[in-house]
Amino acid sequence: MKNAMLAGLFALTMAAPVMANDTSAVLEAGGLVYTRQDQVDMLSEDLFISQEEIRVDYVFKNQSDTDLETLVAFPMPEIGGFMDFNAALDDFEHDNFMGFTVSQDGRKIEPQLQQRATVNGIDMTEEIVGRGISLLPLSEATRAGIARLPDDVRKDWETRGLIINTSYDPGEPGKPVEPEYEVLWKLETVYWWRTTFPAGREVKVHHSYRPSVGGTVAMTFIQDGKPTPQLDEYRERYCIDDAFLKTALKLEKQQNYDAGVYYFEKWMSYILTTGANWGGSIGKFKLTVDKGDEKNFVSFCGSNVRKVGPTRFEMTATDFYPEKDLHILLVVPSR
C-alpha cells in the first residue's frame, strides 16, 4: 500500500494565525470487532472517510450449516488524563462522544455501554460512580460534581491520583484561593452487543461515527524550504511522495503570515486491521476518501487509488488482507 494521492486545496477562513505549537492529536478508531469466527467470511467492506463522517458497510456470510452467535464490540478511543491529553474531540459531555450508530439488515441496534475509569492501570470506576460523579473526564458536569464533593473526599482523590488542584496561589495574606480541580483518570468506552449469523445467509451491517480530526497550525514536515527530520516519519505514515513534497515546498514559499496566508495540517486515522478477524481475507474492499473541497491537498497510503470525483479518491481490492492501519494527511490553506 504505497501510493500517495494528491489533490488541490480548500479555502478555510481563519481570523489570524495561531501559535505554531497549537497541535491536536488524532483519536484513532476503526471498525467493529467480533469474536473470531473462522466460518464467517467478510464478503465485502465499503469504507467512506471524510472530515465529517466515517461510515462502513459490511456484508458477511456464515459458510457453515449452523447458526453462529457472536459478540460484537466497537471500542471508542481512550480519553482523559488531563496532564497528557491533547487530542481532537468535539463532544466532551456525552457518553457517545463520536456519535456512533449501528444497524444490521436495516434494523437499528441499541448496543450496551461499558465504561471503565483507570488511574495508572487501577480501576477507579466504582469509586467515581459511587460518589455520583460522571465518568466523562473532560465534562463540565464532572468538574462541577467534583467541586461539590466534601473536602476530605477531594483530598483523598488527590492522594489517589484521581484529580489535581490546578489553582495558583499568589500568596496574598488573608485572601484564600478557590481550588480548581482537573480530572486525571482515563476513560475506556466500549459499545457491545450480541448478534447471530444465520447458516448460509448473507448479513449486512452498517455503522458510522464522527472522526477525530487532529492537526497543527503549520506544515511540520518542511521548514524554510527544506524537509525536516519529521519527513521520514510522514513518508512512512502518509506515503508522501516526491510530487507531494515538491508541491508543499512551493506552498510554503507562498506563505505570508502578515497577510494571514499560510498552510497547516489536518490528520485522520482509521484502524483497518480489525478487518482481519475472520476466516480469510476481505472478498471485496472499497475505500473512498473525501477531501472535503476541491482545494485541499491529501496524501495517504493505498494501492491503485484513482480520482472518482472533484473531491473523492477511491481504492478497490479483492481478497484484501489489512496489514496496516490507515492515516490521512491534509494540507489546508488559511484562506
C-alpha atoms as a PDB file:
ATOM      1  CA  MET A   1       0.000   0.000   0.000  1.00  0.00           C
ATOM      2  CA  LYS A   2       2.370   2.686  -1.220  1.00  0.00           C
ATOM      3  CA  ASN A   3       0.640   5.169  -3.458  1.00  0.00           C
ATOM      4  CA  ALA A   4       0.371   8.809  -2.340  1.00  0.00           C
ATOM      5  CA  MET A   5      -2.576  10.720  -3.753  1.00  0.00           C
ATOM      6  CA  LEU A   6      -2.525  14.448  -4.397  1.00  0.00           C
ATOM      7  CA  ALA A   7      -5.330  16.918  -4.928  1.00  0.00           C
ATOM      8  CA  GLY A   8      -5.937  20.708  -4.824  1.00  0.00           C
ATOM      9  CA  LEU A   9      -6.717  22.901  -1.683  1.00  0.00           C
ATOM     10  CA  PHE A  10      -9.818  24.256   0.016  1.00  0.00           C
ATOM     11  CA  ALA A  11     -10.488  27.686   1.474  1.00  0.00           C
ATOM     12  CA  LEU A  12     -10.848  27.837   5.219  1.00  0.00           C
ATOM     13  CA  THR A  13     -11.208  31.304   6.714  1.00  0.00           C
ATOM     14  CA  MET A  14      -9.375  31.978   9.966  1.00  0.00           C
ATOM     15  CA  ALA A  15      -9.118  35.280  11.798  1.00  0.00           C
ATOM     16  CA  ALA A  16      -5.360  35.104  12.388  1.00  0.00           C
ATOM     17  CA  PRO A  17      -2.508  32.616  12.664  1.00  0.00           C
ATOM     18  CA  VAL A  18      -2.245  30.719  15.931  1.00  0.00           C
ATOM     19  CA  MET A  19       0.998  29.815  17.682  1.00  0.00           C
ATOM     20  CA  ALA A  20       2.866  27.010  15.928  1.00  0.00           C
ATOM     21  CA  ASN A  21       2.789  24.671  18.915  1.00  0.00           C
ATOM     22  CA  ASP A  22      -1.026  24.553  18.914  1.00  0.00           C
ATOM     23  CA  THR A  23      -1.439  20.910  17.985  1.00  0.00           C
ATOM     24  CA  SER A  24      -4.227  18.362  18.440  1.00  0.00           C
ATOM     25  CA  ALA A  25      -3.600  14.655  18.117  1.00  0.00           C
ATOM     26  CA  VAL A  26      -5.942  12.167  16.459  1.00  0.00           C
ATOM     27  CA  LEU A  27      -8.179   9.832  18.425  1.00  0.00           C
ATOM     28  CA  GLU A  28      -7.913   6.604  16.477  1.00  0.00           C
ATOM     29  CA  ALA A  29     -10.997   4.463  15.964  1.00  0.00           C
ATOM     30  CA  GLY A  30     -11.870   1.814  13.436  1.00  0.00           C
ATOM     31  CA  GLY A  31     -14.343  -0.875  12.539  1.00  0.00           C
ATOM     32  CA  LEU A  32     -16.339  -3.363  14.553  1.00  0.00           C
ATOM     33  CA  VAL A  33     -14.510  -6.053  16.494  1.00  0.00           C
ATOM     34  CA  TYR A  34     -16.067  -9.528  16.516  1.00  0.00           C
ATOM     35  CA  THR A  35     -15.233 -12.643  18.434  1.00  0.00           C
ATOM     36  CA  ARG A  36     -13.142 -14.549  15.919  1.00  0.00           C
ATOM     37  CA  GLN A  37     -15.339 -16.553  13.550  1.00  0.00           C
ATOM     38  CA  ASP A  38     -13.413 -18.787  11.157  1.00  0.00           C
ATOM     39  CA  GLN A  39     -16.634 -19.955   9.499  1.00  0.00           C
ATOM     40  CA  VAL A  40     -17.905 -16.453   8.748  1.00  0.00           C
ATOM     41  CA  ASP A  41     -16.476 -14.684   5.690  1.00  0.00           C
ATOM     42  CA  MET A  42     -16.434 -10.934   5.170  1.00  0.00           C
ATOM     43  CA  LEU A  43     -17.631 -10.811   1.578  1.00  0.00           C
ATOM     44  CA  SER A  44     -17.177  -7.064   1.297  1.00  0.00           C
ATOM     45  CA  GLU A  45     -16.283  -3.885   3.183  1.00  0.00           C
ATOM     46  CA  ASP A  46     -17.163  -0.430   1.833  1.00  0.00           C
ATOM     47  CA  LEU A  47     -15.398   2.283   3.863  1.00  0.00           C
ATOM     48  CA  PHE A  48     -16.025   6.030   3.453  1.00  0.00           C
ATOM     49  CA  ILE A  49     -13.904   8.645   5.241  1.00  0.00           C
ATOM     50  CA  SER A  50     -14.343  12.407   5.370  1.00  0.00           C
ATOM     51  CA  GLN A  51     -13.750  15.088   7.970  1.00  0.00           C
ATOM     52  CA  GLU A  52     -17.430  14.965   8.925  1.00  0.00           C
ATOM     53  CA  GLU A  53     -18.213  11.264   8.890  1.00  0.00           C
ATOM     54  CA  ILE A  54     -16.825   7.759   8.771  1.00  0.00           C
ATOM     55  CA  ARG A  55     -19.254   5.092   7.595  1.00  0.00           C
ATOM     56  CA  VAL A  56     -18.748   1.426   6.870  1.00  0.00           C
ATOM     57  CA  ASP A  57     -20.932  -1.149   5.134  1.00  0.00           C
ATOM     58  CA  TYR A  58     -20.092  -4.837   5.564  1.00  0.00           C
ATOM     59  CA  VAL A  59     -21.537  -7.980   4.021  1.00  0.00           C
ATOM     60  CA  PHE A  60     -20.861 -11.204   5.950  1.00  0.00           C
ATOM     61  CA  LYS A  61     -21.785 -14.795   5.172  1.00  0.00           C
ATOM     62  CA  ASN A  62     -21.902 -17.763   7.504  1.00  0.00           C
ATOM     63  CA  GLN A  63     -20.497 -20.605   5.413  1.00  0.00           C
ATOM     64  CA  SER A  64     -21.419 -23.323   7.946  1.00  0.00           C
ATOM     65  CA  ASP A  65     -24.672 -25.259   8.214  1.00  0.00           C
ATOM     66  CA  THR A  66     -25.489 -23.973  11.722  1.00  0.00           C
ATOM     67  CA  ASP A  67     -26.340 -20.535  13.079  1.00  0.00           C
ATOM     68  CA  LEU A  68     -23.417 -18.829  14.810  1.00  0.00           C
ATOM     69  CA  GLU A  69     -23.772 -16.326  17.653  1.00  0.00           C
ATOM     70  CA  THR A  70     -21.000 -13.852  18.301  1.00  0.00           C
ATOM     71  CA  LEU A  71     -20.194 -10.859  20.469  1.00  0.00           C
ATOM     72  CA  VAL A  72     -19.604  -7.583  18.637  1.00  0.00           C
ATOM     73  CA  ALA A  73     -17.821  -4.547  20.038  1.00  0.00           C
ATOM     74  CA  PHE A  74     -16.960  -1.016  18.961  1.00  0.00           C
ATOM     75  CA  PRO A  75     -14.113   0.272  21.144  1.00  0.00           C
ATOM     76  CA  MET A  76     -14.147   4.057  21.412  1.00  0.00           C
ATOM     77  CA  PRO A  77     -10.780   5.793  21.742  1.00  0.00           C
ATOM     78  CA  GLU A  78      -9.474   6.258  25.271  1.00  0.00           C
ATOM     79  CA  ILE A  79      -9.927   9.825  26.531  1.00  0.00           C
ATOM     80  CA  GLY A  80      -8.821  11.778  29.587  1.00  0.00           C
ATOM     81  CA  GLY A  81      -5.737  12.103  31.689  1.00  0.00           C
ATOM     82  CA  PHE A  82      -5.582  15.896  31.986  1.00  0.00           C
ATOM     83  CA  MET A  83      -1.798  16.188  32.045  1.00  0.00           C
ATOM     84  CA  ASP A  84      -1.146  14.458  28.702  1.00  0.00           C
ATOM     85  CA  PHE A  85      -4.453  14.538  26.808  1.00  0.00           C
ATOM     86  CA  ASN A  86      -4.257  16.733  23.728  1.00  0.00           C
ATOM     87  CA  ALA A  87      -6.497  15.098  21.176  1.00  0.00           C
ATOM     88  CA  ALA A  88      -9.153  16.417  18.845  1.00  0.00           C
ATOM     89  CA  LEU A  89     -12.606  15.882  20.353  1.00  0.00           C
ATOM     90  CA  ASP A  90     -15.779  17.847  19.632  1.00  0.00           C
ATOM     91  CA  ASP A  91     -18.070  16.488  22.349  1.00  0.00           C
ATOM     92  CA  PHE A  92     -16.943  16.320  25.969  1.00  0.00           C
ATOM     93  CA  GLU A  93     -20.396  15.986  27.529  1.00  0.00           C
ATOM     94  CA  HIS A  94     -21.896  12.738  26.221  1.00  0.00           C
ATOM     95  CA  ASP A  95     -21.017   9.066  26.567  1.00  0.00           C
ATOM     96  CA  ASN A  96     -21.362   8.606  22.818  1.00  0.00           C
ATOM     97  CA  PHE A  97     -18.861  11.358  22.064  1.00  0.00           C
ATOM     98  CA  MET A  98     -18.265  10.156  18.489  1.00  0.00           C
ATOM     99  CA  GLY A  99     -21.938   9.752  17.575  1.00  0.00           C
ATOM    100  CA  PHE A 100     -21.669   6.003  16.947  1.00  0.00           C
ATOM    101  CA  THR A 101     -24.624   4.242  15.300  1.00  0.00           C
ATOM    102  CA  VAL A 102     -25.042   0.673  14.050  1.00  0.00           C
ATOM    103  CA  SER A 103     -27.665  -1.388  12.199  1.00  0.00           C
ATOM    104  CA  GLN A 104     -27.928  -4.938  10.881  1.00  0.00           C
ATOM    105  CA  ASP A 105     -30.020  -5.810   7.839  1.00  0.00           C
ATOM    106  CA  GLY A 106     -31.631  -2.388   8.114  1.00  0.00           C
ATOM    107  CA  ARG A 107     -32.601  -2.816  11.787  1.00  0.00           C
ATOM    108  CA  LYS A 108     -31.121  -0.318  14.214  1.00  0.00           C
ATOM    109  CA  ILE A 109     -29.196  -1.870  17.096  1.00  0.00           C
ATOM    110  CA  GLU A 110     -29.111  -0.314  20.566  1.00  0.00           C
ATOM    111  CA  PRO A 111     -25.773  -1.519  21.952  1.00  0.00           C
ATOM    112  CA  GLN A 112     -24.793  -1.954  25.576  1.00  0.00           C
ATOM    113  CA  LEU A 113     -22.329   0.525  27.066  1.00  0.00           C
ATOM    114  CA  GLN A 114     -19.299  -0.481  29.111  1.00  0.00           C
ATOM    115  CA  GLN A 115     -17.127   2.190  30.724  1.00  0.00           C
ATOM    116  CA  ARG A 116     -14.017   1.852  32.863  1.00  0.00           C
ATOM    117  CA  ALA A 117     -12.091   4.677  34.518  1.00  0.00           C
ATOM    118  CA  THR A 118      -8.491   3.965  35.455  1.00  0.00           C
ATOM    119  CA  VAL A 119      -5.566   5.722  37.096  1.00  0.00           C
ATOM    120  CA  ASN A 120      -2.161   4.182  36.416  1.00  0.00           C
ATOM    121  CA  GLY A 121      -3.890   0.946  35.474  1.00  0.00           C
ATOM    122  CA  ILE A 122      -6.023   0.833  38.639  1.00  0.00           C
ATOM    123  CA  ASP A 123      -9.796   0.609  38.113  1.00  0.00           C
ATOM    124  CA  MET A 124     -11.496   3.544  39.858  1.00  0.00           C
ATOM    125  CA  THR A 125     -14.914   3.148  38.228  1.00  0.00           C
ATOM    126  CA  GLU A 126     -16.868   2.137  41.341  1.00  0.00           C
ATOM    127  CA  GLU A 127     -15.304   4.893  43.449  1.00  0.00           C
ATOM    128  CA  ILE A 128     -16.271   7.593  40.943  1.00  0.00           C
ATOM    129  CA  VAL A 129     -19.783   6.298  40.240  1.00  0.00           C
ATOM    130  CA  GLY A 130     -20.371   5.676  43.932  1.00  0.00           C
ATOM    131  CA  ARG A 131     -19.818   9.369  44.615  1.00  0.00           C
ATOM    132  CA  GLY A 132     -22.373  10.328  41.959  1.00  0.00           C
ATOM    133  CA  ILE A 133     -19.780  11.736  39.567  1.00  0.00           C
ATOM    134  CA  SER A 134     -19.916  11.271  35.799  1.00  0.00           C
ATOM    135  CA  LEU A 135     -17.151   9.101  34.357  1.00  0.00           C
ATOM    136  CA  LEU A 136     -16.599  11.554  31.482  1.00  0.00           C
ATOM    137  CA  PRO A 137     -13.218  13.061  32.400  1.00  0.00           C
ATOM    138  CA  LEU A 138     -13.466  16.210  30.257  1.00  0.00           C
ATOM    139  CA  SER A 139     -17.083  17.100  31.044  1.00  0.00           C
ATOM    140  CA  GLU A 140     -18.119  20.344  32.710  1.00  0.00           C
ATOM    141  CA  ALA A 141     -20.689  18.328  34.667  1.00  0.00           C
ATOM    142  CA  THR A 142     -17.871  16.179  36.048  1.00  0.00           C
ATOM    143  CA  ARG A 143     -15.893  19.243  37.160  1.00  0.00           C
ATOM    144  CA  ALA A 144     -18.991  20.724  38.785  1.00  0.00           C
ATOM    145  CA  GLY A 145     -19.681  17.446  40.610  1.00  0.00           C
ATOM    146  CA  ILE A 146     -16.133  17.286  41.946  1.00  0.00           C
ATOM    147  CA  ALA A 147     -16.419  20.865  43.201  1.00  0.00           C
ATOM    148  CA  ARG A 148     -19.408  19.780  45.319  1.00  0.00           C
ATOM    149  CA  LEU A 149     -17.622  16.856  46.964  1.00  0.00           C
ATOM    150  CA  PRO A 150     -16.688  17.141  50.653  1.00  0.00           C
ATOM    151  CA  ASP A 151     -13.174  18.454  51.270  1.00  0.00           C
ATOM    152  CA  ASP A 152     -11.984  15.159  52.773  1.00  0.00           C
ATOM    153  CA  VAL A 153     -13.130  13.232  49.674  1.00  0.00           C
ATOM    154  CA  ARG A 154     -11.391  15.623  47.318  1.00  0.00           C
ATOM    155  CA  LYS A 155      -8.221  15.377  49.401  1.00  0.00           C
ATOM    156  CA  ASP A 156      -8.440  11.585  49.213  1.00  0.00           C
ATOM    157  CA  TRP A 157      -8.971  11.732  45.445  1.00  0.00           C
ATOM    158  CA  GLU A 158      -5.900  13.956  45.078  1.00  0.00           C
ATOM    159  CA  THR A 159      -3.854  11.430  47.040  1.00  0.00           C
ATOM    160  CA  ARG A 160      -5.127   8.573  44.867  1.00  0.00           C
ATOM    161  CA  GLY A 161      -4.361  10.430  41.644  1.00  0.00           C
ATOM    162  CA  LEU A 162      -7.959  10.912  40.504  1.00  0.00           C
ATOM    163  CA  ILE A 163      -7.811  14.715  40.419  1.00  0.00           C
ATOM    164  CA  ILE A 164      -5.304  17.549  40.659  1.00  0.00           C
ATOM    165  CA  ASN A 165      -5.738  21.080  42.003  1.00  0.00           C
ATOM    166  CA  THR A 166      -4.530  23.454  39.284  1.00  0.00           C
ATOM    167  CA  SER A 167      -5.344  26.766  41.043  1.00  0.00           C
ATOM    168  CA  TYR A 168      -2.470  29.167  41.532  1.00  0.00           C
ATOM    169  CA  ASP A 169      -1.969  30.699  44.978  1.00  0.00           C
ATOM    170  CA  PRO A 170      -0.157  34.053  44.679  1.00  0.00           C
ATOM    171  CA  GLY A 171       0.469  34.040  48.411  1.00  0.00           C
ATOM    172  CA  GLU A 172      -1.571  37.132  49.273  1.00  0.00           C
ATOM    173  CA  PRO A 173      -2.246  37.043  53.019  1.00  0.00           C
ATOM    174  CA  GLY A 174      -5.867  36.766  54.033  1.00  0.00           C
ATOM    175  CA  LYS A 175      -7.042  36.008  50.526  1.00  0.00           C
ATOM    176  CA  PRO A 176      -7.632  32.262  50.086  1.00  0.00           C
ATOM    177  CA  VAL A 177      -7.767  30.899  46.548  1.00  0.00           C
ATOM    178  CA  GLU A 178     -10.614  28.630  45.496  1.00  0.00           C
ATOM    179  CA  PRO A 179      -9.354  25.231  44.319  1.00  0.00           C
ATOM    180  CA  GLU A 180      -9.768  24.301  40.662  1.00  0.00           C
ATOM    181  CA  TYR A 181      -9.725  20.577  40.027  1.00  0.00           C
ATOM    182  CA  GLU A 182      -8.865  18.765  36.822  1.00  0.00           C
ATOM    183  CA  VAL A 183      -9.535  15.069  36.241  1.00  0.00           C
ATOM    184  CA  LEU A 184      -6.605  12.687  35.847  1.00  0.00           C
ATOM    185  CA  TRP A 185      -8.394   9.402  35.192  1.00  0.00           C
ATOM    186  CA  LYS A 186      -8.641   7.864  31.731  1.00  0.00           C
ATOM    187  CA  LEU A 187     -11.905   6.534  30.370  1.00  0.00           C
ATOM    188  CA  GLU A 188     -12.254   3.415  28.236  1.00  0.00           C
ATOM    189  CA  THR A 189     -15.610   3.138  26.472  1.00  0.00           C
ATOM    190  CA  VAL A 190     -16.884   0.119  24.546  1.00  0.00           C
ATOM    191  CA  TYR A 191     -20.248  -0.365  22.883  1.00  0.00           C
ATOM    192  CA  TRP A 192     -21.152  -4.046  22.522  1.00  0.00           C
ATOM    193  CA  TRP A 193     -23.989  -6.394  21.575  1.00  0.00           C
ATOM    194  CA  ARG A 194     -24.690  -9.974  20.547  1.00  0.00           C
ATOM    195  CA  THR A 195     -25.609 -10.963  17.022  1.00  0.00           C
ATOM    196  CA  THR A 196     -26.337 -14.128  15.066  1.00  0.00           C
ATOM    197  CA  PHE A 197     -25.097 -15.124  11.630  1.00  0.00           C
ATOM    198  CA  PRO A 198     -27.758 -17.463  10.204  1.00  0.00           C
ATOM    199  CA  ALA A 199     -26.442 -20.550   8.411  1.00  0.00           C
ATOM    200  CA  GLY A 200     -25.742 -19.959   4.716  1.00  0.00           C
ATOM    201  CA  ARG A 201     -27.112 -16.408   4.729  1.00  0.00           C
ATOM    202  CA  GLU A 202     -25.626 -13.011   3.960  1.00  0.00           C
ATOM    203  CA  VAL A 203     -25.844 -10.384   6.698  1.00  0.00           C
ATOM    204  CA  LYS A 204     -25.459  -6.647   6.048  1.00  0.00           C
ATOM    205  CA  VAL A 205     -24.049  -4.431   8.796  1.00  0.00           C
ATOM    206  CA  HIS A 206     -23.729  -0.635   8.699  1.00  0.00           C
ATOM    207  CA  HIS A 207     -22.081   1.655  11.220  1.00  0.00           C
ATOM    208  CA  SER A 208     -20.997   5.277  11.288  1.00  0.00           C
ATOM    209  CA  TYR A 209     -19.430   7.849  13.586  1.00  0.00           C
ATOM    210  CA  ARG A 210     -17.756  11.256  13.626  1.00  0.00           C
ATOM    211  CA  PRO A 211     -13.999  11.063  13.137  1.00  0.00           C
ATOM    212  CA  SER A 212     -11.433  12.796  15.273  1.00  0.00           C
ATOM    213  CA  VAL A 213      -9.642  15.330  13.077  1.00  0.00           C
ATOM    214  CA  GLY A 214      -6.347  16.406  14.589  1.00  0.00           C
ATOM    215  CA  GLY A 215      -3.788  18.808  13.246  1.00  0.00           C
ATOM    216  CA  THR A 216      -1.359  21.626  13.736  1.00  0.00           C
ATOM    217  CA  VAL A 217      -1.179  25.235  12.539  1.00  0.00           C
ATOM    218  CA  ALA A 218       1.828  24.747  10.276  1.00  0.00           C
ATOM    219  CA  MET A 219       3.392  22.234   7.921  1.00  0.00           C
ATOM    220  CA  THR A 220       5.754  20.353  10.185  1.00  0.00           C
ATOM    221  CA  PHE A 221       7.487  18.145   7.614  1.00  0.00           C
ATOM    222  CA  ILE A 222       9.077  21.134   5.845  1.00  0.00           C
ATOM    223  CA  GLN A 223      10.548  24.389   7.145  1.00  0.00           C
ATOM    224  CA  ASP A 224      12.348  27.268   5.406  1.00  0.00           C
ATOM    225  CA  GLY A 225      12.322  25.464   2.092  1.00  0.00           C
ATOM    226  CA  LYS A 226      13.817  22.248   3.395  1.00  0.00           C
ATOM    227  CA  PRO A 227      12.468  18.934   4.682  1.00  0.00           C
ATOM    228  CA  THR A 228      12.537  18.492   8.454  1.00  0.00           C
ATOM    229  CA  PRO A 229      13.544  15.301  10.286  1.00  0.00           C
ATOM    230  CA  GLN A 230       9.824  14.553  10.547  1.00  0.00           C
ATOM    231  CA  LEU A 231       9.611  13.889   6.815  1.00  0.00           C
ATOM    232  CA  ASP A 232      10.809  10.284   7.115  1.00  0.00           C
ATOM    233  CA  GLU A 233       8.001   9.549   9.586  1.00  0.00           C
ATOM    234  CA  TYR A 234       5.475  11.222   7.263  1.00  0.00           C
ATOM    235  CA  ARG A 235       6.686   9.225   4.274  1.00  0.00           C
ATOM    236  CA  GLU A 236       6.013   6.044   6.219  1.00  0.00           C
ATOM    237  CA  ARG A 237       2.737   7.139   7.830  1.00  0.00           C
ATOM    238  CA  TYR A 238       1.103   9.050   4.947  1.00  0.00           C
ATOM    239  CA  CYS A 239       3.102   7.807   1.931  1.00  0.00           C
ATOM    240  CA  ILE A 240       4.208  11.319   0.967  1.00  0.00           C
ATOM    241  CA  ASP A 241       5.852  11.096  -2.448  1.00  0.00           C
ATOM    242  CA  ASP A 242       8.217  13.481  -4.226  1.00  0.00           C
ATOM    243  CA  ALA A 243       5.391  15.228  -6.081  1.00  0.00           C
ATOM    244  CA  PHE A 244       3.534  15.969  -2.841  1.00  0.00           C
ATOM    245  CA  LEU A 245       6.741  17.252  -1.234  1.00  0.00           C
ATOM    246  CA  LYS A 246       7.514  19.479  -4.205  1.00  0.00           C
ATOM    247  CA  THR A 247       4.038  20.997  -4.027  1.00  0.00           C
ATOM    248  CA  ALA A 248       4.319  21.556  -0.254  1.00  0.00           C
ATOM    249  CA  LEU A 249       7.637  23.369  -0.715  1.00  0.00           C
ATOM    250  CA  LYS A 250       6.014  25.592  -3.332  1.00  0.00           C
ATOM    251  CA  LEU A 251       3.127  26.354  -0.994  1.00  0.00           C
ATOM    252  CA  GLU A 252       5.488  27.269   1.811  1.00  0.00           C
ATOM    253  CA  LYS A 253       7.113  29.909  -0.398  1.00  0.00           C
ATOM    254  CA  GLN A 254       3.687  31.473  -0.968  1.00  0.00           C
ATOM    255  CA  GLN A 255       3.013  31.912   2.746  1.00  0.00           C
ATOM    256  CA  ASN A 256       2.594  35.419   4.148  1.00  0.00           C
ATOM    257  CA  TYR A 257       1.739  35.400   7.835  1.00  0.00           C
ATOM    258  CA  ASP A 258       1.337  39.195   7.913  1.00  0.00           C
ATOM    259  CA  ALA A 259      -1.402  38.849   5.323  1.00  0.00           C
ATOM    260  CA  GLY A 260      -2.894  35.809   7.050  1.00  0.00           C
ATOM    261  CA  VAL A 261      -1.882  33.404   4.289  1.00  0.00           C
ATOM    262  CA  TYR A 262      -0.338  30.151   5.489  1.00  0.00           C
ATOM    263  CA  TYR A 263      -0.823  26.381   5.349  1.00  0.00           C
ATOM    264  CA  PHE A 264      -1.465  23.854   8.091  1.00  0.00           C
ATOM    265  CA  GLU A 265      -2.032  20.137   8.542  1.00  0.00           C
ATOM    266  CA  LYS A 266      -5.073  18.047   9.399  1.00  0.00           C
ATOM    267  CA  TRP A 267      -4.918  14.338  10.214  1.00  0.00           C
ATOM    268  CA  MET A 268      -7.396  11.466  10.277  1.00  0.00           C
ATOM    269  CA  SER A 269      -6.832   7.814  11.153  1.00  0.00           C
ATOM    270  CA  TYR A 270      -8.795   4.576  10.850  1.00  0.00           C
ATOM    271  CA  ILE A 271      -7.894   1.209  12.376  1.00  0.00           C
ATOM    272  CA  LEU A 272      -8.151  -1.133   9.397  1.00  0.00           C
ATOM    273  CA  THR A 273      -6.566  -4.205  10.970  1.00  0.00           C
ATOM    274  CA  THR A 274      -9.740  -5.199  12.841  1.00  0.00           C
ATOM    275  CA  GLY A 275     -10.944  -6.482   9.467  1.00  0.00           C
ATOM    276  CA  ALA A 276      -8.501  -9.383   9.737  1.00  0.00           C
ATOM    277  CA  ASN A 277     -10.548 -11.149  12.420  1.00  0.00           C
ATOM    278  CA  TRP A 278     -12.207 -13.596  10.037  1.00  0.00           C
ATOM    279  CA  GLY A 279     -11.692 -16.942   8.395  1.00  0.00           C
ATOM    280  CA  GLY A 280      -9.913 -15.393   5.412  1.00  0.00           C
ATOM    281  CA  SER A 281      -9.325 -12.131   3.595  1.00  0.00           C
ATOM    282  CA  ILE A 282     -11.950  -9.493   2.785  1.00  0.00           C
ATOM    283  CA  GLY A 283     -13.527 -10.581  -0.517  1.00  0.00           C
ATOM    284  CA  LYS A 284     -14.080  -7.088  -1.929  1.00  0.00           C
ATOM    285  CA  PHE A 285     -12.683  -3.991  -0.269  1.00  0.00           C
ATOM    286  CA  LYS A 286     -13.502  -0.421  -1.256  1.00  0.00           C
ATOM    287  CA  LEU A 287     -12.102   2.740   0.328  1.00  0.00           C
ATOM    288  CA  THR A 288     -13.374   6.228  -0.503  1.00  0.00           C
ATOM    289  CA  VAL A 289     -11.588   9.283   0.888  1.00  0.00           C
ATOM    290  CA  ASP A 290     -13.340  12.638   0.522  1.00  0.00           C
ATOM    291  CA  LYS A 291     -11.015  15.616   0.948  1.00  0.00           C
ATOM    292  CA  GLY A 292     -13.930  17.964   1.611  1.00  0.00           C
ATOM    293  CA  ASP A 293     -13.260  20.558  -1.094  1.00  0.00           C
ATOM    294  CA  GLU A 294     -11.513  20.774  -4.412  1.00  0.00           C
ATOM    295  CA  LYS A 295      -8.714  22.925  -2.977  1.00  0.00           C
ATOM    296  CA  ASN A 296      -7.307  20.543  -0.410  1.00  0.00           C
ATOM    297  CA  PHE A 297      -4.067  18.555  -0.695  1.00  0.00           C
ATOM    298  CA  VAL A 298      -4.284  14.992   0.611  1.00  0.00           C
ATOM    299  CA  SER A 299      -1.867  12.098   0.945  1.00  0.00           C
ATOM    300  CA  PHE A 300      -2.478   8.577   2.220  1.00  0.00           C
ATOM    301  CA  CYS A 301      -1.201   5.059   1.629  1.00  0.00           C
ATOM    302  CA  GLY A 302      -3.087   2.887  -0.812  1.00  0.00           C
ATOM    303  CA  SER A 303      -2.708   0.872  -3.989  1.00  0.00           C
ATOM    304  CA  ASN A 304      -4.417   1.546  -7.312  1.00  0.00           C
ATOM    305  CA  VAL A 305      -6.019   4.718  -5.983  1.00  0.00           C
ATOM    306  CA  ARG A 306      -7.911   6.771  -8.526  1.00  0.00           C
ATOM    307  CA  LYS A 307      -9.807  10.035  -8.538  1.00  0.00           C
ATOM    308  CA  VAL A 308     -13.557   9.433  -8.927  1.00  0.00           C
ATOM    309  CA  GLY A 309     -14.911  12.942  -8.362  1.00  0.00           C
ATOM    310  CA  PRO A 310     -13.901  16.533  -7.659  1.00  0.00           C
ATOM    311  CA  THR A 311     -13.199  15.717  -4.012  1.00  0.00           C
ATOM    312  CA  ARG A 312     -13.114  11.917  -3.855  1.00  0.00           C
ATOM    313  CA  PHE A 313     -10.492   9.246  -4.273  1.00  0.00           C
ATOM    314  CA  GLU A 314     -11.190   5.534  -4.398  1.00  0.00           C
ATOM    315  CA  MET A 315      -9.221   2.366  -3.808  1.00  0.00           C
ATOM    316  CA  THR A 316     -10.568  -1.113  -4.528  1.00  0.00           C
ATOM    317  CA  ALA A 317      -9.046  -4.520  -3.872  1.00  0.00           C
ATOM    318  CA  THR A 318     -10.053  -8.171  -3.942  1.00  0.00           C
ATOM    319  CA  ASP A 319      -9.030 -10.774  -1.383  1.00  0.00           C
ATOM    320  CA  PHE A 320      -7.784  -7.882   0.750  1.00  0.00           C
ATOM    321  CA  TYR A 321      -5.935  -8.536   3.983  1.00  0.00           C
ATOM    322  CA  PRO A 322      -5.370  -5.325   6.019  1.00  0.00           C
ATOM    323  CA  GLU A 323      -1.803  -5.385   7.284  1.00  0.00           C
ATOM    324  CA  LYS A 324      -1.595  -1.778   8.493  1.00  0.00           C
ATOM    325  CA  ASP A 325      -3.923   0.978   9.626  1.00  0.00           C
ATOM    326  CA  LEU A 326      -4.907   3.975   7.524  1.00  0.00           C
ATOM    327  CA  HIS A 327      -3.609   7.512   8.167  1.00  0.00           C
ATOM    328  CA  ILE A 328      -4.635  10.540   6.094  1.00  0.00           C
ATOM    329  CA  LEU A 329      -2.804  13.862   5.806  1.00  0.00           C
ATOM    330  CA  LEU A 330      -4.496  17.049   4.611  1.00  0.00           C
ATOM    331  CA  VAL A 331      -2.635  20.294   3.863  1.00  0.00           C
ATOM    332  CA  VAL A 332      -5.044  23.201   4.229  1.00  0.00           C
ATOM    333  CA  PRO A 333      -4.643  26.949   3.491  1.00  0.00           C
ATOM    334  CA  SER A 334      -5.815  29.553   5.947  1.00  0.00           C
ATOM    335  CA  ARG A 335      -7.846  31.346   3.250  1.00  0.00           C
END
